[in-house]
Amino acid sequence: MLKDELTKKKHVLESIDQLLSMLNKIDVQIQTEVVKHLNEEGNRNILQMKQLENEMKSLRNEFHHQKDGRVSETDKEHSYHLTLSY
């Protein structure tokens, strides 16, 4: 009878060991997927940030170009007014 009980305990412990091993494998898979997802999301965010940065640069350049154009128009108007005043 004692031998039967020990045999049952051994099988239970082996089953528990197998379950723990399976849980550890699942845990590793989950961690791998989470890290993969975070990396993908991070890469996506970096790309979006670069796109926004490029848009900002483009808008800044466009603004400066328009601003420079306005300054030269103002200079032309000033020159025109000076010419008329002579």
N, C-alpha and C. Protein backbone atom coordinates (compact mmCIF):
# COMPACT_ATOMS: atom_id res chain seq x y z
N MET A 1 0.81 -1.18 0.00
CA MET A 1 0.00 0.00 0.00
C MET A 1 0.87 1.27 0.00
N LEU A 2 1.90 1.30 0.79
CA LEU A 2 2.81 2.44 0.83
C LEU A 2 3.47 2.65 -0.53
N LYS A 3 3.80 1.55 -1.19
CA LYS A 3 4.42 1.63 -2.51
C LYS A 3 3.45 2.24 -3.51
N ASP A 4 2.18 1.88 -3.45
CA ASP A 4 1.17 2.43 -4.35
C ASP A 4 1.00 3.94 -4.14
N GLU A 5 1.00 4.35 -2.89
CA GLU A 5 0.86 5.77 -2.57
C GLU A 5 2.07 6.56 -3.10
N LEU A 6 3.26 6.00 -2.93
CA LEU A 6 4.46 6.66 -3.42
C LEU A 6 4.46 6.74 -4.95
N THR A 7 3.99 5.70 -5.58
CA THR A 7 3.89 5.68 -7.05
C THR A 7 2.92 6.75 -7.52
N LYS A 8 1.78 6.89 -6.84
CA LYS A 8 0.80 7.92 -7.19
C LYS A 8 1.39 9.31 -7.00
N LYS A 9 2.09 9.50 -5.89
CA LYS A 9 2.71 10.80 -5.61
C LYS A 9 3.76 11.12 -6.68
N LYS A 10 4.49 10.11 -7.08
CA LYS A 10 5.50 10.30 -8.11
C LYS A 10 4.85 10.75 -9.41
N HIS A 11 3.75 10.10 -9.80
CA HIS A 11 3.04 10.47 -11.04
C HIS A 11 2.46 11.88 -10.93
N VAL A 12 1.93 12.20 -9.76
CA VAL A 12 1.39 13.55 -9.56
C VAL A 12 2.50 14.59 -9.69
N LEU A 13 3.63 14.32 -9.06
CA LEU A 13 4.75 15.25 -9.14
C LEU A 13 5.27 15.38 -10.57
N GLU A 14 5.31 14.27 -11.29
CA GLU A 14 5.74 14.33 -12.69
C GLU A 14 4.75 15.14 -13.52
N SER A 15 3.47 14.97 -13.25
CA SER A 15 2.45 15.74 -13.96
C SER A 15 2.59 17.23 -13.66
N ILE A 16 2.81 17.54 -12.39
CA ILE A 16 3.01 18.93 -12.00
C ILE A 16 4.25 19.50 -12.70
N ASP A 17 5.30 18.72 -12.75
CA ASP A 17 6.53 19.15 -13.41
C ASP A 17 6.28 19.44 -14.89
N GLN A 18 5.53 18.55 -15.55
CA GLN A 18 5.20 18.75 -16.97
C GLN A 18 4.35 20.02 -17.15
N LEU A 19 3.40 20.22 -16.26
CA LEU A 19 2.56 21.41 -16.35
C LEU A 19 3.39 22.69 -16.16
N LEU A 20 4.29 22.66 -15.19
CA LEU A 20 5.15 23.82 -14.97
C LEU A 20 6.04 24.09 -16.19
N SER A 21 6.54 23.03 -16.76
CA SER A 21 7.37 23.17 -17.95
C SER A 21 6.56 23.80 -19.09
N MET A 22 5.34 23.32 -19.28
CA MET A 22 4.47 23.87 -20.32
C MET A 22 4.15 25.34 -20.04
N LEU A 23 3.88 25.66 -18.78
CA LEU A 23 3.59 27.05 -18.41
C LEU A 23 4.80 27.95 -18.68
N ASN A 24 5.98 27.45 -18.39
CA ASN A 24 7.20 28.23 -18.66
C ASN A 24 7.37 28.48 -20.16
N LYS A 25 7.10 27.47 -20.97
CA LYS A 25 7.19 27.64 -22.43
C LYS A 25 6.17 28.66 -22.92
N ILE A 26 4.96 28.58 -22.38
CA ILE A 26 3.91 29.54 -22.76
C ILE A 26 4.32 30.94 -22.34
N ASP A 27 4.88 31.05 -21.14
CA ASP A 27 5.33 32.35 -20.64
C ASP A 27 6.40 32.95 -21.55
N VAL A 28 7.35 32.13 -21.96
CA VAL A 28 8.41 32.60 -22.86
C VAL A 28 7.82 33.04 -24.19
N GLN A 29 6.85 32.28 -24.72
CA GLN A 29 6.22 32.65 -25.99
C GLN A 29 5.48 33.98 -25.86
N ILE A 30 4.77 34.15 -24.74
CA ILE A 30 4.04 35.39 -24.52
C ILE A 30 5.00 36.57 -24.44
N GLN A 31 6.08 36.39 -23.68
CA GLN A 31 7.08 37.47 -23.55
C GLN A 31 7.68 37.81 -24.91
N THR A 32 7.96 36.78 -25.70
CA THR A 32 8.52 37.01 -27.03
C THR A 32 7.56 37.81 -27.90
N GLU A 33 6.29 37.44 -27.86
CA GLU A 33 5.28 38.14 -28.66
C GLU A 33 5.10 39.58 -28.18
N VAL A 34 5.12 39.78 -26.88
CA VAL A 34 4.96 41.13 -26.33
C VAL A 34 6.14 42.01 -26.77
N VAL A 35 7.35 41.49 -26.65
CA VAL A 35 8.53 42.25 -27.06
C VAL A 35 8.47 42.55 -28.56
N LYS A 36 8.07 41.56 -29.35
CA LYS A 36 7.94 41.74 -30.79
C LYS A 36 6.92 42.84 -31.09
N HIS A 37 5.79 42.79 -30.41
CA HIS A 37 4.74 43.79 -30.63
C HIS A 37 5.23 45.18 -30.23
N LEU A 38 5.90 45.26 -29.08
CA LEU A 38 6.42 46.55 -28.63
C LEU A 38 7.44 47.11 -29.61
N ASN A 39 8.30 46.25 -30.13
CA ASN A 39 9.29 46.70 -31.12
C ASN A 39 8.61 47.19 -32.39
N GLU A 40 7.60 46.44 -32.86
CA GLU A 40 6.88 46.86 -34.07
C GLU A 40 6.18 48.19 -33.83
N GLU A 41 5.54 48.31 -32.68
CA GLU A 41 4.83 49.55 -32.36
C GLU A 41 5.83 50.70 -32.23
N GLY A 42 6.96 50.42 -31.59
CA GLY A 42 7.99 51.45 -31.47
C GLY A 42 8.52 51.88 -32.82
N ASN A 43 8.75 50.92 -33.71
CA ASN A 43 9.22 51.25 -35.06
C ASN A 43 8.18 52.08 -35.81
N ARG A 44 6.92 51.70 -35.64
CA ARG A 44 5.84 52.44 -36.29
C ARG A 44 5.80 53.88 -35.76
N ASN A 45 5.96 54.02 -34.45
CA ASN A 45 5.95 55.36 -33.85
C ASN A 45 7.14 56.18 -34.34
N ILE A 46 8.30 55.55 -34.46
CA ILE A 46 9.48 56.26 -34.96
C ILE A 46 9.25 56.73 -36.39
N LEU A 47 8.66 55.86 -37.22
CA LEU A 47 8.37 56.26 -38.60
C LEU A 47 7.39 57.42 -38.64
N GLN A 48 6.35 57.37 -37.80
CA GLN A 48 5.39 58.46 -37.75
C GLN A 48 6.05 59.76 -37.30
N MET A 49 6.94 59.65 -36.31
CA MET A 49 7.65 60.84 -35.84
C MET A 49 8.53 61.42 -36.93
N LYS A 50 9.20 60.55 -37.70
CA LYS A 50 10.05 61.03 -38.79
C LYS A 50 9.20 61.71 -39.86
N GLN A 51 8.02 61.13 -40.15
CA GLN A 51 7.14 61.74 -41.13
C GLN A 51 6.68 63.12 -40.66
N LEU A 52 6.31 63.20 -39.38
CA LEU A 52 5.89 64.49 -38.83
C LEU A 52 7.03 65.50 -38.85
N GLU A 53 8.23 65.02 -38.54
CA GLU A 53 9.40 65.90 -38.58
C GLU A 53 9.63 66.43 -39.99
N ASN A 54 9.50 65.54 -40.98
CA ASN A 54 9.67 65.96 -42.38
C ASN A 54 8.59 66.96 -42.79
N GLU A 55 7.36 66.71 -42.34
CA GLU A 55 6.28 67.65 -42.64
C GLU A 55 6.55 69.01 -42.00
N MET A 56 7.05 68.99 -40.77
CA MET A 56 7.37 70.25 -40.09
C MET A 56 8.47 70.99 -40.84
N LYS A 57 9.50 70.27 -41.27
CA LYS A 57 10.59 70.90 -42.02
C LYS A 57 10.06 71.50 -43.32
N SER A 58 9.20 70.74 -43.98
CA SER A 58 8.62 71.21 -45.24
C SER A 58 7.79 72.47 -45.01
N LEU A 59 6.95 72.46 -43.98
CA LEU A 59 6.14 73.64 -43.67
C LEU A 59 7.02 74.83 -43.28
N ARG A 60 8.08 74.56 -42.51
CA ARG A 60 8.99 75.63 -42.11
C ARG A 60 9.66 76.23 -43.35
N ASN A 61 10.13 75.37 -44.25
CA ASN A 61 10.76 75.85 -45.48
C ASN A 61 9.78 76.66 -46.33
N GLU A 62 8.56 76.14 -46.41
CA GLU A 62 7.53 76.83 -47.19
C GLU A 62 7.23 78.20 -46.57
N PHE A 63 7.15 78.24 -45.25
CA PHE A 63 6.91 79.50 -44.55
C PHE A 63 8.03 80.49 -44.82
N HIS A 64 9.28 80.02 -44.68
CA HIS A 64 10.42 80.92 -44.91
C HIS A 64 10.45 81.40 -46.37
N HIS A 65 10.10 80.50 -47.27
CA HIS A 65 10.08 80.89 -48.69
C HIS A 65 9.02 81.96 -48.92
N GLN A 66 7.83 81.77 -48.34
CA GLN A 66 6.77 82.76 -48.50
C GLN A 66 7.16 84.07 -47.82
N LYS A 67 7.79 83.95 -46.65
CA LYS A 67 8.22 85.12 -45.90
C LYS A 67 9.26 85.90 -46.71
N ASP A 68 10.22 85.17 -47.30
CA ASP A 68 11.25 85.82 -48.12
C ASP A 68 10.61 86.50 -49.32
N GLY A 69 9.61 85.86 -49.90
CA GLY A 69 8.90 86.45 -51.04
C GLY A 69 8.20 87.72 -50.65
N ARG A 70 7.59 87.74 -49.48
CA ARG A 70 6.90 88.94 -49.00
C ARG A 70 7.89 90.07 -48.73
N VAL A 71 9.03 89.74 -48.19
CA VAL A 71 10.03 90.77 -47.90
C VAL A 71 10.49 91.42 -49.19
N SER A 72 10.75 90.61 -50.20
CA SER A 72 11.22 91.19 -51.44
C SER A 72 10.11 92.01 -52.10
N GLU A 73 8.83 91.62 -51.95
CA GLU A 73 7.74 92.43 -52.48
C GLU A 73 7.69 93.76 -51.74
N THR A 74 7.87 93.71 -50.44
CA THR A 74 7.88 94.94 -49.64
C THR A 74 9.04 95.83 -50.08
N ASP A 75 10.21 95.24 -50.32
CA ASP A 75 11.36 96.02 -50.79
C ASP A 75 11.05 96.64 -52.15
N LYS A 76 10.39 95.86 -53.01
CA LYS A 76 10.04 96.38 -54.34
C LYS A 76 9.06 97.55 -54.20
N GLU A 77 8.07 97.38 -53.32
CA GLU A 77 7.10 98.45 -53.12
C GLU A 77 7.81 99.71 -52.58
N HIS A 78 8.70 99.50 -51.63
CA HIS A 78 9.44 100.63 -51.06
C HIS A 78 10.25 101.34 -52.16
N SER A 79 10.92 100.54 -52.98
CA SER A 79 11.72 101.09 -54.07
C SER A 79 10.82 101.86 -55.04
N TYR A 80 9.66 101.32 -55.34
CA TYR A 80 8.71 101.95 -56.24
C TYR A 80 8.26 103.30 -55.68
N HIS A 81 7.94 103.31 -54.37
CA HIS A 81 7.51 104.54 -53.72
C HIS A 81 8.63 105.57 -53.72
N LEU A 82 9.86 105.11 -53.50
CA LEU A 82 10.99 106.03 -53.55
C LEU A 82 11.14 106.64 -54.94
N THR A 83 10.96 105.80 -55.95
CA THR A 83 11.08 106.26 -57.33
C THR A 83 10.02 107.32 -57.62
N LEU A 84 8.79 107.08 -57.14
CA LEU A 84 7.74 108.04 -57.37
C LEU A 84 7.96 109.36 -56.63
N SER A 85 8.61 109.26 -55.50
CA SER A 85 8.82 110.48 -54.72
C SER A 85 9.87 111.40 -55.36
N TYR A 86 10.72 110.87 -56.23
CA TYR A 86 11.71 111.73 -56.88
C TYR A 86 11.03 112.44 -57.98
